[in-house]
PDB file of N, CA and C in Angstrom:
ATOM      1  N   MET A   1     -73.996 -22.317  99.996  1.00  0.00           N
ATOM      2  CA  MET A   1     -74.729 -21.125 100.142  1.00  0.00           C
ATOM      3  C   MET A   1     -74.209 -20.194  99.146  1.00  0.00           C
ATOM      4  N   SER A   2     -75.036 -19.430  98.486  1.00  0.00           N
ATOM      5  CA  SER A   2     -74.596 -18.424  97.518  1.00  0.00           C
ATOM      6  C   SER A   2     -73.876 -17.266  98.230  1.00  0.00           C
ATOM      7  N   GLU A   3     -72.998 -16.614  97.436  1.00  0.00           N
ATOM      8  CA  GLU A   3     -72.217 -15.469  98.023  1.00  0.00           C
ATOM      9  C   GLU A   3     -73.052 -14.406  98.500  1.00  0.00           C
ATOM     10  N   LYS A   4     -74.127 -14.135  97.767  1.00  0.00           N
ATOM     11  CA  LYS A   4     -75.146 -13.019  98.235  1.00  0.00           C
ATOM     12  C   LYS A   4     -75.724 -13.329  99.474  1.00  0.00           C
ATOM     13  N   LYS A   5     -76.249 -14.566  99.641  1.00  0.00           N
ATOM     14  CA  LYS A   5     -76.868 -15.022 100.876  1.00  0.00           C
ATOM     15  C   LYS A   5     -75.851 -15.003 102.019  1.00  0.00           C
ATOM     16  N   GLU A   6     -74.525 -15.442 101.824  1.00  0.00           N
ATOM     17  CA  GLU A   6     -73.590 -15.499 102.772  1.00  0.00           C
ATOM     18  C   GLU A   6     -73.316 -14.018 103.316  1.00  0.00           C
ATOM     19  N   ASP A   7     -73.295 -13.060 102.377  1.00  0.00           N
ATOM     20  CA  ASP A   7     -72.976 -11.693 102.783  1.00  0.00           C
ATOM     21  C   ASP A   7     -74.094 -11.111 103.545  1.00  0.00           C
ATOM     22  N   LYS A   8     -75.366 -11.564 103.287  1.00  0.00           N
ATOM     23  CA  LYS A   8     -76.576 -11.168 104.092  1.00  0.00           C
ATOM     24  C   LYS A   8     -76.513 -11.635 105.451  1.00  0.00           C
ATOM     25  N   VAL A   9     -76.095 -12.996 105.597  1.00  0.00           N
ATOM     26  CA  VAL A   9     -76.045 -13.538 106.933  1.00  0.00           C
ATOM     27  C   VAL A   9     -74.842 -12.869 107.702  1.00  0.00           C
ATOM     28  N   LEU A  10     -73.749 -12.634 107.141  1.00  0.00           N
ATOM     29  CA  LEU A  10     -72.705 -11.972 107.807  1.00  0.00           C
ATOM     30  C   LEU A  10     -73.110 -10.561 108.239  1.00  0.00           C
ATOM     31  N   ASN A  11     -73.775  -9.855 107.478  1.00  0.00           N
ATOM     32  CA  ASN A  11     -74.214  -8.553 107.760  1.00  0.00           C
ATOM     33  C   ASN A  11     -75.163  -8.592 108.993  1.00  0.00           C
ATOM     34  N   ASN A  12     -76.094  -9.623 108.932  1.00  0.00           N
ATOM     35  CA  ASN A  12     -77.016  -9.686 110.062  1.00  0.00           C
ATOM     36  C   ASN A  12     -76.235 -10.045 111.353  1.00  0.00           C
ATOM     37  N   LEU A  13     -75.227 -10.905 111.301  1.00  0.00           N
ATOM     38  CA  LEU A  13     -74.428 -11.212 112.425  1.00  0.00           C
ATOM     39  C   LEU A  13     -73.685  -9.946 113.045  1.00  0.00           C
ATOM     40  N   ARG A  14     -73.142  -9.161 112.207  1.00  0.00           N
ATOM     41  CA  ARG A  14     -72.538  -7.961 112.588  1.00  0.00           C
ATOM     42  C   ARG A  14     -73.454  -7.039 113.300  1.00  0.00           C
ATOM     43  N   GLN A  15     -74.709  -6.858 112.709  1.00  0.00           N
ATOM     44  CA  GLN A  15     -75.581  -5.993 113.437  1.00  0.00           C
ATOM     45  C   GLN A  15     -76.046  -6.646 114.733  1.00  0.00           C
ATOM     46  N   MET A  16     -76.274  -7.829 114.911  1.00  0.00           N
ATOM     47  CA  MET A  16     -76.566  -8.406 116.192  1.00  0.00           C
ATOM     48  C   MET A  16     -75.526  -8.211 117.227  1.00  0.00           C
ATOM     49  N   PHE A  17     -74.174  -8.436 116.744  1.00  0.00           N
ATOM     50  CA  PHE A  17     -72.980  -8.276 117.609  1.00  0.00           C
ATOM     51  C   PHE A  17     -72.963  -6.883 118.050  1.00  0.00           C
ATOM     52  N   ASP A  18     -73.098  -5.856 117.139  1.00  0.00           N
ATOM     53  CA  ASP A  18     -73.087  -4.462 117.511  1.00  0.00           C
ATOM     54  C   ASP A  18     -74.146  -4.106 118.448  1.00  0.00           C
ATOM     55  N   ALA A  19     -75.409  -4.641 118.338  1.00  0.00           N
ATOM     56  CA  ALA A  19     -76.478  -4.367 119.226  1.00  0.00           C
ATOM     57  C   ALA A  19     -76.232  -4.861 120.702  1.00  0.00           C
ATOM     58  N   VAL A  20     -75.440  -5.988 120.721  1.00  0.00           N
ATOM     59  CA  VAL A  20     -75.199  -6.555 122.087  1.00  0.00           C
ATOM     60  C   VAL A  20     -74.054  -5.955 122.702  1.00  0.00           C
ATOM     61  N   PHE A  21     -72.954  -5.622 121.997  1.00  0.00           N
ATOM     62  CA  PHE A  21     -71.704  -5.242 122.589  1.00  0.00           C
ATOM     63  C   PHE A  21     -71.445  -3.745 122.522  1.00  0.00           C
ATOM     64  N   LYS A  22     -72.198  -2.994 121.672  1.00  0.00           N
ATOM     65  CA  LYS A  22     -71.979  -1.591 121.628  1.00  0.00           C
ATOM     66  C   LYS A  22     -73.137  -0.793 122.366  1.00  0.00           C
ATOM     67  N   SER A  23     -74.029  -1.470 122.917  1.00  0.00           N
ATOM     68  CA  SER A  23     -75.127  -0.845 123.587  1.00  0.00           C
ATOM     69  C   SER A  23     -74.780  -0.516 124.981  1.00  0.00           C
ATOM     70  N   GLU A  24     -75.363   0.536 125.531  1.00  0.00           N
ATOM     71  CA  GLU A  24     -75.102   1.040 126.821  1.00  0.00           C
ATOM     72  C   GLU A  24     -75.816   0.023 127.778  1.00  0.00           C
ATOM     73  N   ARG A  25     -75.131  -0.239 128.920  1.00  0.00           N
ATOM     74  CA  ARG A  25     -75.763  -1.110 129.895  1.00  0.00           C
ATOM     75  C   ARG A  25     -76.717  -0.397 130.841  1.00  0.00           C
ATOM     76  N   SER A  26     -77.752  -1.097 131.222  1.00  0.00           N
ATOM     77  CA  SER A  26     -78.767  -0.449 132.068  1.00  0.00           C
ATOM     78  C   SER A  26     -78.329  -0.428 133.461  1.00  0.00           C
ATOM     79  N   GLN A  27     -78.845   0.365 134.319  1.00  0.00           N
ATOM     80  CA  GLN A  27     -78.454   0.570 135.697  1.00  0.00           C
ATOM     81  C   GLN A  27     -78.576  -0.764 136.412  1.00  0.00           C
ATOM     82  N   SER A  28     -79.677  -1.575 136.067  1.00  0.00           N
ATOM     83  CA  SER A  28     -79.798  -2.959 136.729  1.00  0.00           C
ATOM     84  C   SER A  28     -78.734  -3.804 136.391  1.00  0.00           C
ATOM     85  N   PHE A  29     -78.278  -3.877 135.159  1.00  0.00           N
ATOM     86  CA  PHE A  29     -77.125  -4.653 134.647  1.00  0.00           C
ATOM     87  C   PHE A  29     -75.952  -4.291 135.442  1.00  0.00           C
ATOM     88  N   LEU A  30     -75.600  -3.015 135.500  1.00  0.00           N
ATOM     89  CA  LEU A  30     -74.400  -2.624 136.273  1.00  0.00           C
ATOM     90  C   LEU A  30     -74.451  -2.927 137.762  1.00  0.00           C
ATOM     91  N   ASP A  31     -75.652  -2.773 138.350  1.00  0.00           N
ATOM     92  CA  ASP A  31     -75.798  -3.149 139.730  1.00  0.00           C
ATOM     93  C   ASP A  31     -75.539  -4.616 140.051  1.00  0.00           C
ATOM     94  N   ILE A  32     -75.976  -5.535 139.014  1.00  0.00           N
ATOM     95  CA  ILE A  32     -75.730  -6.908 139.190  1.00  0.00           C
ATOM     96  C   ILE A  32     -74.321  -7.219 139.318  1.00  0.00           C
ATOM     97  N   PHE A  33     -73.467  -6.661 138.319  1.00  0.00           N
ATOM     98  CA  PHE A  33     -71.983  -6.766 138.330  1.00  0.00           C
ATOM     99  C   PHE A  33     -71.490  -6.281 139.570  1.00  0.00           C
ATOM    100  N   ARG A  34     -71.791  -5.075 140.029  1.00  0.00           N
ATOM    101  CA  ARG A  34     -71.287  -4.495 141.218  1.00  0.00           C
ATOM    102  C   ARG A  34     -71.483  -5.464 142.376  1.00  0.00           C
ATOM    103  N   GLU A  35     -72.740  -6.028 142.543  1.00  0.00           N
ATOM    104  CA  GLU A  35     -72.944  -6.975 143.569  1.00  0.00           C
ATOM    105  C   GLU A  35     -72.078  -8.162 143.483  1.00  0.00           C
ATOM    106  N   VAL A  36     -71.879  -8.681 142.334  1.00  0.00           N
ATOM    107  CA  VAL A  36     -71.066  -9.962 142.064  1.00  0.00           C
ATOM    108  C   VAL A  36     -69.733  -9.739 142.457  1.00  0.00           C
ATOM    109  N   TYR A  37     -69.109  -8.588 141.863  1.00  0.00           N
ATOM    110  CA  TYR A  37     -67.694  -8.286 142.113  1.00  0.00           C
ATOM    111  C   TYR A  37     -67.297  -7.569 143.303  1.00  0.00           C
ATOM    112  N   GLY A  38     -68.283  -6.877 143.935  1.00  0.00           N
ATOM    113  CA  GLY A  38     -68.050  -6.103 145.143  1.00  0.00           C
ATOM    114  C   GLY A  38     -67.072  -5.023 144.959  1.00  0.00           C
ATOM    115  N   ASN A  39     -66.080  -4.893 145.775  1.00  0.00           N
ATOM    116  CA  ASN A  39     -65.111  -3.799 145.733  1.00  0.00           C
ATOM    117  C   ASN A  39     -64.144  -3.956 144.594  1.00  0.00           C
ATOM    118  N   ASP A  40     -64.160  -5.153 143.889  1.00  0.00           N
ATOM    119  CA  ASP A  40     -63.345  -5.447 142.779  1.00  0.00           C
ATOM    120  C   ASP A  40     -63.812  -4.968 141.524  1.00  0.00           C
ATOM    121  N   TYR A  41     -65.039  -4.318 141.553  1.00  0.00           N
ATOM    122  CA  TYR A  41     -65.710  -3.969 140.299  1.00  0.00           C
ATOM    123  C   TYR A  41     -65.345  -2.524 139.982  1.00  0.00           C
ATOM    124  N   PRO A  42     -64.512  -2.230 139.028  1.00  0.00           N
ATOM    125  CA  PRO A  42     -64.225  -0.786 138.597  1.00  0.00           C
ATOM    126  C   PRO A  42     -65.422  -0.287 137.896  1.00  0.00           C
ATOM    127  N   GLU A  43     -65.758   0.981 138.038  1.00  0.00           N
ATOM    128  CA  GLU A  43     -66.913   1.629 137.323  1.00  0.00           C
ATOM    129  C   GLU A  43     -66.702   1.553 135.899  1.00  0.00           C
ATOM    130  N   GLU A  44     -65.452   1.566 135.299  1.00  0.00           N
ATOM    131  CA  GLU A  44     -65.305   1.651 133.808  1.00  0.00           C
ATOM    132  C   GLU A  44     -65.237   0.245 133.259  1.00  0.00           C
ATOM    133  N   ALA A  45     -65.376  -0.714 134.071  1.00  0.00           N
ATOM    134  CA  ALA A  45     -65.295  -2.120 133.432  1.00  0.00           C
ATOM    135  C   ALA A  45     -66.544  -2.343 132.537  1.00  0.00           C
ATOM    136  N   ASN A  46     -66.192  -3.152 131.536  1.00  0.00           N
ATOM    137  CA  ASN A  46     -67.048  -3.520 130.566  1.00  0.00           C
ATOM    138  C   ASN A  46     -67.054  -5.080 130.495  1.00  0.00           C
ATOM    139  N   PRO A  47     -67.947  -5.697 131.319  1.00  0.00           N
ATOM    140  CA  PRO A  47     -67.835  -7.230 131.493  1.00  0.00           C
ATOM    141  C   PRO A  47     -68.071  -8.057 130.207  1.00  0.00           C
ATOM    142  N   LEU A  48     -68.662  -7.373 129.177  1.00  0.00           N
ATOM    143  CA  LEU A  48     -68.878  -8.145 127.914  1.00  0.00           C
ATOM    144  C   LEU A  48     -67.842  -7.626 126.841  1.00  0.00           C
ATOM    145  N   SER A  49     -66.798  -7.025 127.149  1.00  0.00           N
ATOM    146  CA  SER A  49     -65.916  -6.626 126.163  1.00  0.00           C
ATOM    147  C   SER A  49     -64.846  -7.773 125.924  1.00  0.00           C
ATOM    148  N   PHE A  50     -64.195  -7.617 124.844  1.00  0.00           N
ATOM    149  CA  PHE A  50     -63.200  -8.662 124.395  1.00  0.00           C
ATOM    150  C   PHE A  50     -61.731  -8.138 124.737  1.00  0.00           C
ATOM    151  N   GLU A  51     -61.601  -7.069 125.441  1.00  0.00           N
ATOM    152  CA  GLU A  51     -60.329  -6.528 125.813  1.00  0.00           C
ATOM    153  C   GLU A  51     -59.969  -7.128 127.058  1.00  0.00           C
ATOM    154  N   THR A  52     -58.667  -7.483 127.152  1.00  0.00           N
ATOM    155  CA  THR A  52     -58.030  -8.089 128.391  1.00  0.00           C
ATOM    156  C   THR A  52     -56.789  -7.355 128.756  1.00  0.00           C
ATOM    157  N   ASN A  53     -56.390  -7.703 129.897  1.00  0.00           N
ATOM    158  CA  ASN A  53     -55.076  -7.146 130.345  1.00  0.00           C
ATOM    159  C   ASN A  53     -53.944  -8.189 130.321  1.00  0.00           C
ATOM    160  N   ASN A  54     -54.291  -9.248 129.755  1.00  0.00           N
ATOM    161  CA  ASN A  54     -53.268 -10.390 129.589  1.00  0.00           C
ATOM    162  C   ASN A  54     -52.231  -9.978 128.684  1.00  0.00           C
ATOM    163  N   ILE A  55     -50.974 -10.338 129.073  1.00  0.00           N
ATOM    164  CA  ILE A  55     -49.893 -10.043 128.128  1.00  0.00           C
ATOM    165  C   ILE A  55     -49.299 -11.375 127.725  1.00  0.00           C
TER     166      ILE A  55
END
């Protein structure tokens, strides 16, 4: 694959990643996670983030 084409592919992947992981979640999306996790669901949780509390 040419370097120019590879850069275009990587740029498209970055844009798709940002569209998914940086977008605000709809109320329906949040309601689903609240129902699944019940009282264990903190309001500030971001179920699709890559952040963890593992040490």
